[in-house]
Structures are given as C-alpha cells and as structure tokens.
Protein backbone atom coordinates (compact mmCIF):
# COMPACT_ATOMS: atom_id res chain seq x y z
CA UNK A 1 -61.61 24.65 21.31
CA UNK A 2 -59.37 22.54 19.10
CA UNK A 3 -60.76 21.73 15.68
CA UNK A 4 -61.65 18.04 15.20
CA UNK A 5 -59.22 15.98 13.15
CA UNK A 6 -60.78 14.46 10.01
CA UNK A 7 -61.26 10.70 10.14
CA UNK A 8 -59.52 10.28 6.78
CA UNK A 9 -56.39 11.94 8.17
CA UNK A 10 -56.40 9.64 11.19
CA UNK A 11 -56.42 6.60 8.92
CA UNK A 12 -53.39 7.71 6.91
CA UNK A 13 -50.32 5.55 7.62
CA UNK A 14 -47.56 7.16 9.61
CA UNK A 15 -44.51 7.88 7.43
CA UNK A 16 -41.19 6.97 8.98
CA UNK A 17 -39.01 10.06 8.62
CA UNK A 18 -35.84 8.29 9.70
CA UNK A 19 -33.35 8.30 6.82
CA UNK A 20 -31.50 5.11 5.93
CA UNK A 21 -27.88 5.37 7.06
CA UNK A 22 -25.22 3.91 4.76
CA UNK A 23 -22.04 2.73 6.46
CA UNK A 24 -19.05 4.69 5.15
CA UNK A 25 -16.02 6.75 6.04
CA UNK A 26 -17.08 10.25 4.99
CA UNK A 27 -20.37 10.69 6.80
CA UNK A 28 -20.67 11.08 10.58
CA UNK A 29 -23.59 8.71 11.03
CA UNK A 30 -22.22 6.34 8.40
CA UNK A 31 -18.82 6.29 10.10
CA UNK A 32 -20.38 5.55 13.48
CA UNK A 33 -22.41 2.71 11.98
CA UNK A 34 -19.35 1.31 10.21
CA UNK A 35 -17.38 1.46 13.45
CA UNK A 36 -20.08 -0.36 15.41
CA UNK A 37 -20.28 -3.15 12.84
CA UNK A 38 -16.47 -3.40 12.72
CA UNK A 39 -16.33 -3.79 16.51
CA UNK A 40 -18.70 -6.75 16.27
CA UNK A 41 -16.49 -8.44 13.67
CA UNK A 42 -13.31 -7.63 15.61
CA UNK A 43 -14.67 -9.37 18.71
CA UNK A 44 -15.46 -12.56 16.79
CA UNK A 45 -13.17 -15.58 16.62
CA UNK A 46 -14.53 -16.57 13.20
CA UNK A 47 -12.63 -13.82 11.36
CA UNK A 48 -8.93 -14.33 10.48
CA UNK A 49 -6.24 -13.38 12.97
CA UNK A 50 -5.38 -10.04 11.33
CA UNK A 51 -8.94 -8.80 12.03
CA UNK A 52 -9.43 -10.07 15.58
CA UNK A 53 -9.26 -7.12 17.95
CA UNK A 54 -8.35 -4.77 15.08
CA UNK A 55 -11.30 -2.46 14.42
CA UNK A 56 -9.44 -0.45 11.75
CA UNK A 57 -8.71 -3.53 9.63
CA UNK A 58 -12.34 -4.62 9.94
CA UNK A 59 -13.57 -1.18 8.84
CA UNK A 60 -11.41 -1.26 5.71
CA UNK A 61 -12.55 -4.80 4.90
CA UNK A 62 -16.20 -3.78 5.34
CA UNK A 63 -15.69 -0.84 3.00
CA UNK A 64 -14.12 -3.14 0.37
CA UNK A 65 -17.02 -5.58 0.73
CA UNK A 66 -19.54 -2.80 0.15
CA UNK A 67 -17.69 -1.56 -2.95
CA UNK A 68 -17.45 -5.10 -4.34
CA UNK A 69 -21.04 -5.91 -3.35
CA UNK A 70 -19.66 -9.04 -1.67
CA UNK A 71 -20.22 -10.74 1.65
CA UNK A 72 -18.21 -9.13 4.45
CA UNK A 73 -16.96 -12.35 6.04
CA UNK A 74 -15.97 -13.73 2.62
CA UNK A 75 -13.86 -10.63 1.95
CA UNK A 76 -12.12 -10.94 5.33
CA UNK A 77 -11.39 -14.62 4.76
CA UNK A 78 -9.84 -13.96 1.34
CA UNK A 79 -7.89 -10.72 1.92
CA UNK A 80 -4.43 -11.66 3.17
CA UNK A 81 -1.59 -9.56 4.53
CA UNK A 82 1.68 -10.83 3.04
CA UNK A 83 4.59 -9.09 4.79
CA UNK A 84 2.61 -5.88 5.18
CA UNK A 85 1.03 -5.91 1.70
CA UNK A 86 -2.69 -6.74 1.23
CA UNK A 87 -3.62 -9.20 -1.49
CA UNK A 88 -6.62 -11.25 -2.58
CA UNK A 89 -6.52 -15.01 -2.76
CA UNK A 90 -6.53 -16.14 -6.39
CA UNK A 91 -9.53 -18.39 -5.83
CA UNK A 92 -11.53 -15.37 -4.60
CA UNK A 93 -10.81 -13.45 -7.81
CA UNK A 94 -11.76 -16.51 -9.88
CA UNK A 95 -15.04 -16.74 -7.94
CA UNK A 96 -15.70 -13.02 -8.51
CA UNK A 97 -15.18 -13.37 -12.26
CA UNK A 98 -17.41 -16.44 -12.44
CA UNK A 99 -20.22 -14.83 -10.41
CA UNK A 100 -20.16 -11.28 -11.81
CA UNK A 101 -22.59 -12.22 -14.59
CA UNK A 102 -20.61 -10.68 -17.43
CA UNK A 103 -18.61 -13.74 -18.42
CA UNK A 104 -18.87 -17.50 -18.56
CA UNK A 105 -16.82 -19.42 -16.00
CA UNK A 106 -13.07 -19.23 -16.50
CA UNK A 107 -11.44 -22.09 -18.43
CA UNK A 108 -7.77 -22.99 -18.90
CA UNK A 109 -5.84 -24.05 -22.01
CA UNK A 110 -2.58 -25.99 -21.68
CA UNK A 111 0.38 -26.38 -24.02
CA UNK A 112 3.83 -28.04 -24.12
CA UNK A 113 5.29 -31.04 -22.34
CA UNK A 114 5.37 -31.18 -18.56
CA UNK A 115 8.68 -29.83 -17.28
CA UNK A 116 9.66 -28.13 -20.56
CA UNK A 117 10.16 -24.38 -20.76
CA UNK A 118 7.11 -23.97 -23.01
CA UNK A 119 4.84 -25.91 -20.64
CA UNK A 120 2.13 -23.69 -19.20
CA UNK A 121 -1.43 -22.48 -19.52
CA UNK A 122 -3.60 -19.46 -20.15
CA UNK A 123 -7.07 -18.57 -18.91
CA UNK A 124 -10.00 -17.85 -21.23
CA UNK A 125 -13.74 -17.36 -21.14
CA UNK A 126 -16.60 -15.99 -23.22
CA UNK A 127 -18.09 -12.53 -22.76
CA UNK A 128 -21.86 -12.98 -22.54
CA UNK A 129 -22.82 -9.65 -24.12
CA UNK A 130 -20.79 -10.18 -27.31
CA UNK A 131 -20.07 -13.90 -27.43
CA UNK A 132 -16.38 -13.10 -27.92
CA UNK A 133 -13.80 -15.55 -26.63
CA UNK A 134 -11.32 -13.71 -24.41
CA UNK A 135 -7.84 -15.18 -23.96
CA UNK A 136 -5.41 -14.26 -21.22
CA UNK A 137 -1.61 -14.20 -21.36
CA UNK A 138 0.36 -17.44 -21.46
CA UNK A 139 2.20 -18.40 -18.27
CA UNK A 140 4.90 -21.03 -18.79
CA UNK A 141 8.06 -22.33 -17.14
CA UNK A 142 10.18 -19.93 -19.17
CA UNK A 143 8.38 -16.97 -17.56
CA UNK A 144 8.49 -18.58 -14.11
CA UNK A 145 12.24 -19.09 -14.30
CA UNK A 146 12.93 -15.65 -15.79
CA UNK A 147 10.97 -13.95 -13.01
CA UNK A 148 12.55 -16.16 -10.34
CA UNK A 149 9.20 -17.21 -8.86
CA UNK A 150 10.43 -20.77 -8.28
CA UNK A 151 13.57 -19.60 -6.45
CA UNK A 152 11.86 -18.08 -3.41
CA UNK A 153 12.05 -19.89 -0.08
CA UNK A 154 8.99 -22.09 0.36
CA UNK A 155 7.85 -21.52 -3.23
CA UNK A 156 4.72 -23.46 -4.19
CA UNK A 157 6.00 -23.63 -7.77
CA UNK A 158 8.21 -26.52 -6.65
CA UNK A 159 5.42 -28.56 -5.06
CA UNK A 160 2.15 -27.66 -6.82
CA UNK A 161 3.14 -26.12 -10.15
CA UNK A 162 -0.08 -26.85 -12.07
CA UNK A 163 -2.21 -25.13 -9.44
CA UNK A 164 0.11 -22.13 -9.47
CA UNK A 165 -0.17 -21.96 -13.28
CA UNK A 166 -3.95 -21.79 -12.91
CA UNK A 167 -3.82 -19.11 -10.22
CA UNK A 168 -1.31 -16.96 -12.10
CA UNK A 169 -3.02 -17.23 -15.49
CA UNK A 170 -6.38 -16.37 -13.87
CA UNK A 171 -4.83 -13.31 -12.24
CA UNK A 172 -3.38 -12.22 -15.58
CA UNK A 173 -6.78 -12.63 -17.27
CA UNK A 174 -8.58 -10.70 -14.55
CA UNK A 175 -6.16 -7.76 -14.71
CA UNK A 176 -6.45 -7.68 -18.49
CA UNK A 177 -10.24 -7.78 -18.82
CA UNK A 178 -11.79 -6.96 -15.43
CA UNK A 179 -9.27 -5.01 -13.31
CA UNK A 180 -12.06 -3.38 -11.30
CA UNK A 181 -12.73 -6.68 -9.55
CA UNK A 182 -9.40 -6.70 -7.68
CA UNK A 183 -9.51 -2.93 -7.04
CA UNK A 184 -5.81 -2.62 -7.81
CA UNK A 185 -4.62 -5.29 -5.36
CA UNK A 186 -2.39 -8.18 -6.34
CA UNK A 187 -3.07 -11.76 -5.39
CA UNK A 188 -1.54 -13.25 -2.25
CA UNK A 189 0.23 -15.83 -4.42
CA UNK A 190 1.87 -13.06 -6.45
CA UNK A 191 3.02 -11.26 -3.31
CA UNK A 192 4.62 -14.45 -2.03
CA UNK A 193 6.46 -14.85 -5.33
CA UNK A 194 8.11 -11.42 -5.04
CA UNK A 195 9.12 -11.82 -1.37
CA UNK A 196 12.36 -13.61 -0.54
CA UNK A 197 12.30 -14.70 3.12
CA UNK A 198 15.69 -15.43 4.67
CA UNK A 199 16.45 -17.95 7.40
CA UNK A 200 16.58 -15.24 10.08
CA UNK A 201 13.04 -14.10 9.22
CA UNK A 202 14.03 -10.97 7.31
CA UNK A 203 12.72 -10.52 3.80
CA UNK A 204 13.14 -8.43 0.67
CA UNK A 205 10.23 -7.35 -1.52
CA UNK A 206 11.39 -7.34 -5.13
CA UNK A 207 8.97 -4.67 -6.30
CA UNK A 208 10.02 -2.30 -3.53
CA UNK A 209 13.69 -2.83 -4.36
CA UNK A 210 13.04 -1.96 -7.99
CA UNK A 211 11.09 1.12 -6.97
CA UNK A 212 13.93 2.35 -4.73
CA UNK A 213 16.47 1.85 -7.53
CA UNK A 214 14.49 3.94 -10.02
CA UNK A 215 16.08 7.32 -10.95
CA UNK A 216 14.57 10.25 -9.12
CA UNK A 217 14.76 13.96 -9.83
CA UNK A 218 14.74 16.81 -7.36
CA UNK A 219 12.21 19.63 -7.25
CA UNK A 220 14.79 21.96 -8.80
CA UNK A 221 14.85 19.83 -11.96
CA UNK A 222 11.16 20.49 -12.72
CA UNK A 223 10.05 23.61 -14.61
CA UNK A 224 7.22 25.10 -12.52
CA UNK A 225 5.67 26.80 -15.55
CA UNK A 226 5.49 23.80 -17.88
CA UNK A 227 5.94 20.89 -15.46
CA UNK A 228 8.73 19.45 -17.65
CA UNK A 229 12.01 18.06 -16.35
CA UNK A 230 14.73 20.49 -17.38
CA UNK A 231 17.99 18.90 -16.20
CA UNK A 232 18.13 15.51 -14.44
CA UNK A 233 20.99 16.30 -12.09
CA UNK A 234 21.56 14.01 -9.09
CA UNK A 235 19.04 11.49 -10.40
CA UNK A 236 19.73 8.73 -7.93
CA UNK A 237 18.68 9.32 -4.34
CA UNK A 238 21.82 7.57 -3.08
CA UNK A 239 24.21 9.53 -5.34
CA UNK A 240 27.29 10.26 -3.20
CA UNK A 241 28.55 13.03 -5.51
CA UNK A 242 28.89 16.45 -3.84
CA UNK A 243 26.37 19.19 -4.46
CA UNK A 244 27.46 21.59 -7.18
CA UNK A 245 26.75 25.31 -6.98
CA UNK A 246 24.35 26.26 -9.78
CA UNK A 247 26.30 29.49 -10.36
CA UNK A 248 29.49 27.48 -10.91
CA UNK A 249 27.80 24.76 -12.94
CA UNK A 250 29.69 25.68 -16.09
CA UNK A 251 33.09 25.04 -14.50
CA UNK A 252 31.99 22.22 -12.20
CA UNK A 253 33.67 23.94 -9.20
CA UNK A 254 32.46 22.98 -5.74
CA UNK A 255 30.64 25.57 -3.62
CA UNK A 256 32.86 27.65 -1.32
CA UNK A 257 31.61 30.01 1.45
CA UNK A 258 32.24 33.70 1.06
CA UNK A 259 34.36 35.80 3.49
CA UNK A 260 31.20 37.09 5.21
CA UNK A 261 29.88 33.55 5.64
CA UNK A 262 33.23 32.39 7.02
CA UNK A 263 33.23 35.25 9.54
CA UNK A 264 29.68 34.38 10.63
CA UNK A 265 30.58 30.71 11.05
CA UNK A 266 33.67 31.62 13.06
CA UNK A 267 31.70 33.96 15.33
CA UNK A 268 29.09 31.28 15.99
CA UNK A 269 31.76 28.73 16.87
CA UNK A 270 33.46 31.17 19.26
CA UNK A 271 30.15 31.92 20.99
CA UNK A 272 29.42 28.23 21.47
CA UNK A 273 32.93 27.61 22.77
CA UNK A 274 32.62 30.45 25.32
CA UNK A 275 29.29 29.09 26.52
CA UNK A 276 30.71 25.61 27.04
CA UNK A 277 33.90 26.82 28.75
CA UNK A 278 32.06 28.73 31.47
CA UNK A 279 33.68 27.41 34.64
CA UNK A 280 31.06 28.28 37.20
CA UNK A 281 27.42 29.15 37.49
CA UNK A 282 25.55 30.62 40.42
CA UNK A 283 22.26 29.55 41.82
CA UNK A 284 20.04 30.74 44.66
CA UNK A 285 20.63 28.73 47.84
CA UNK A 286 17.63 27.73 49.97
CA UNK A 287 18.65 30.20 52.73
CA UNK A 288 18.86 33.12 50.33
CA UNK A 289 22.64 33.01 49.97
CA UNK A 290 24.46 32.67 46.67
CA UNK A 291 26.68 29.64 46.50
CA UNK A 292 29.28 28.49 43.97
CA UNK A 293 28.44 25.34 42.00
CA UNK A 294 31.17 23.39 40.32
CA UNK A 295 30.59 22.94 36.60
CA UNK A 296 30.86 19.53 34.97
CA UNK A 297 33.99 20.65 33.11
CA UNK A 298 36.03 21.30 36.27
C-alpha cells in the first residue's frame, strides 16, 4: 500500500517552477516572446507609420526600450527614420536627462544680440551627487553658418531658430555628459541638418560624403605582424592611377605579362573563337534521325 502523505506536506504551498522569460534576441524563448509582442505593436494604428506592419522595426524598438528602461510606445513615437538613418527626437533626450535622476532639469544660458554671429545658447544643469554645475558647448549663429545647417532645404533654422538652439545645445550637453542615454544615435534634428534634399526628391548625406572621401588603404599596406600601415599606396578608393607591380616599384614601370602568360592568353582566345565559330551542331530528332540545325551565326 502507498504510504500516507504527511498533513504538513499537503499544506505546503505549491512552488511555480516556470521560469520568467525575458524578451530578447539571443534566447529562443525570449526571441519568441519578443516577436509576439512586436506583432501586437505592428498591428496597431497607434504606432508611427514606420512600425505599422513591420515586425522587425518593432522588435528593435522594443529592445531599445528595454535597454533604456523606457516605455515601449514612447520609444516608438520618438525614434525617427530620417532618410534611412535612425535618430531620437531632441525633446525625448531632454526628457531622459531630466528623468534619469542623476541631474537637475536642463537649463539654457543665452548670450549675444539676436541675429548676430555670437548669438546663441548653451545647456547646463547640476549633478545631484556632487552639486557641480555642468555646462555644455556654446551653439551660436557662427557655428550654424559654418556648418551650413541653415542652408538645407526646409531648414527649421530659418523659421524657429531659438527652438533649434535649445535642441542642438541639449544634444551637445547630453553627448558630453551622458552619452549612454542616446545609445550612440544622433537626434532627428541633427540628421535633417546634414541632409540636403533636392527638388527631385534625391538627397545627399553630408556625413556619408565625408566618410567616402576619407583616404583608405588596402590590405597589402598593413603589416600583419604589427598591424601598422607600412606604405599608403593607392589611398583613395577612386584613384584612377594604374596598378604598379611591386617588383618594379623602384622604377615605377607598369606590369607587363611574361611570354608564358601571353601564350596562355592567346591559346584561351583561340579556343573561345573556335567555339563561337562552330557553324553547325547536331541534335537527336524525335524519330531517331540526326538532323542538321543552323547555327545563329549562319
């Protein structure tokens, strides 16, 4: 017979052995949970257009919200795609700084006369743990004009300059003292300032143009043992200069094929020419007879 179960054991609460699943990319159950939540957001009309019907975008936004410990819908409403580049709204970063608990609310200091080159502002606040007053970089009309921010089509610097000064100075302060809040992303206002949209709808991203124009070195220029660049030959990717044989580098002579290489090239060309000049080919007729088929060259 089965032994009786003690009454004390029957009264013990049942322990739930189900582990808590955290939504994430690198765990099977977490990924499935993240995908299910993202599908719910993607089917909603309350999220911005770039997330509606796009499960992948919703998953990335949910992951950012978890890392920032922020509300998921708030992240989606403040993460913009500006010509293919993601960026936070400046007001979202200001709200994150004000609510993180490490600083007092951001304040702004102004200088100069309106319209003058020295007119601008900088952001500042007080760090709660030390009581230190933290100042950001000055943003003035001289910087705006030098960077060409006011020359872009549809630039807000021409219609709401003071608000743009606040947004830009706040972004400068945040990157200087709390870069982890933006997670490496620029603000949407900054992305607009570096994009020049033409009348036909095409655009040029200034930062990408600068990156493409930077000198580049080939793998042959890097010493595998030390990792140092030995000789920066052909630095620019669009350098039209011909390739120089390393064995003839001292004289600067162009590479020339040897007699054996010339013979091999000639033989290959002759073989290709013979294959193309074949006048006829034969194929099996349905009745078992061989018939002559005119080639396309006849």
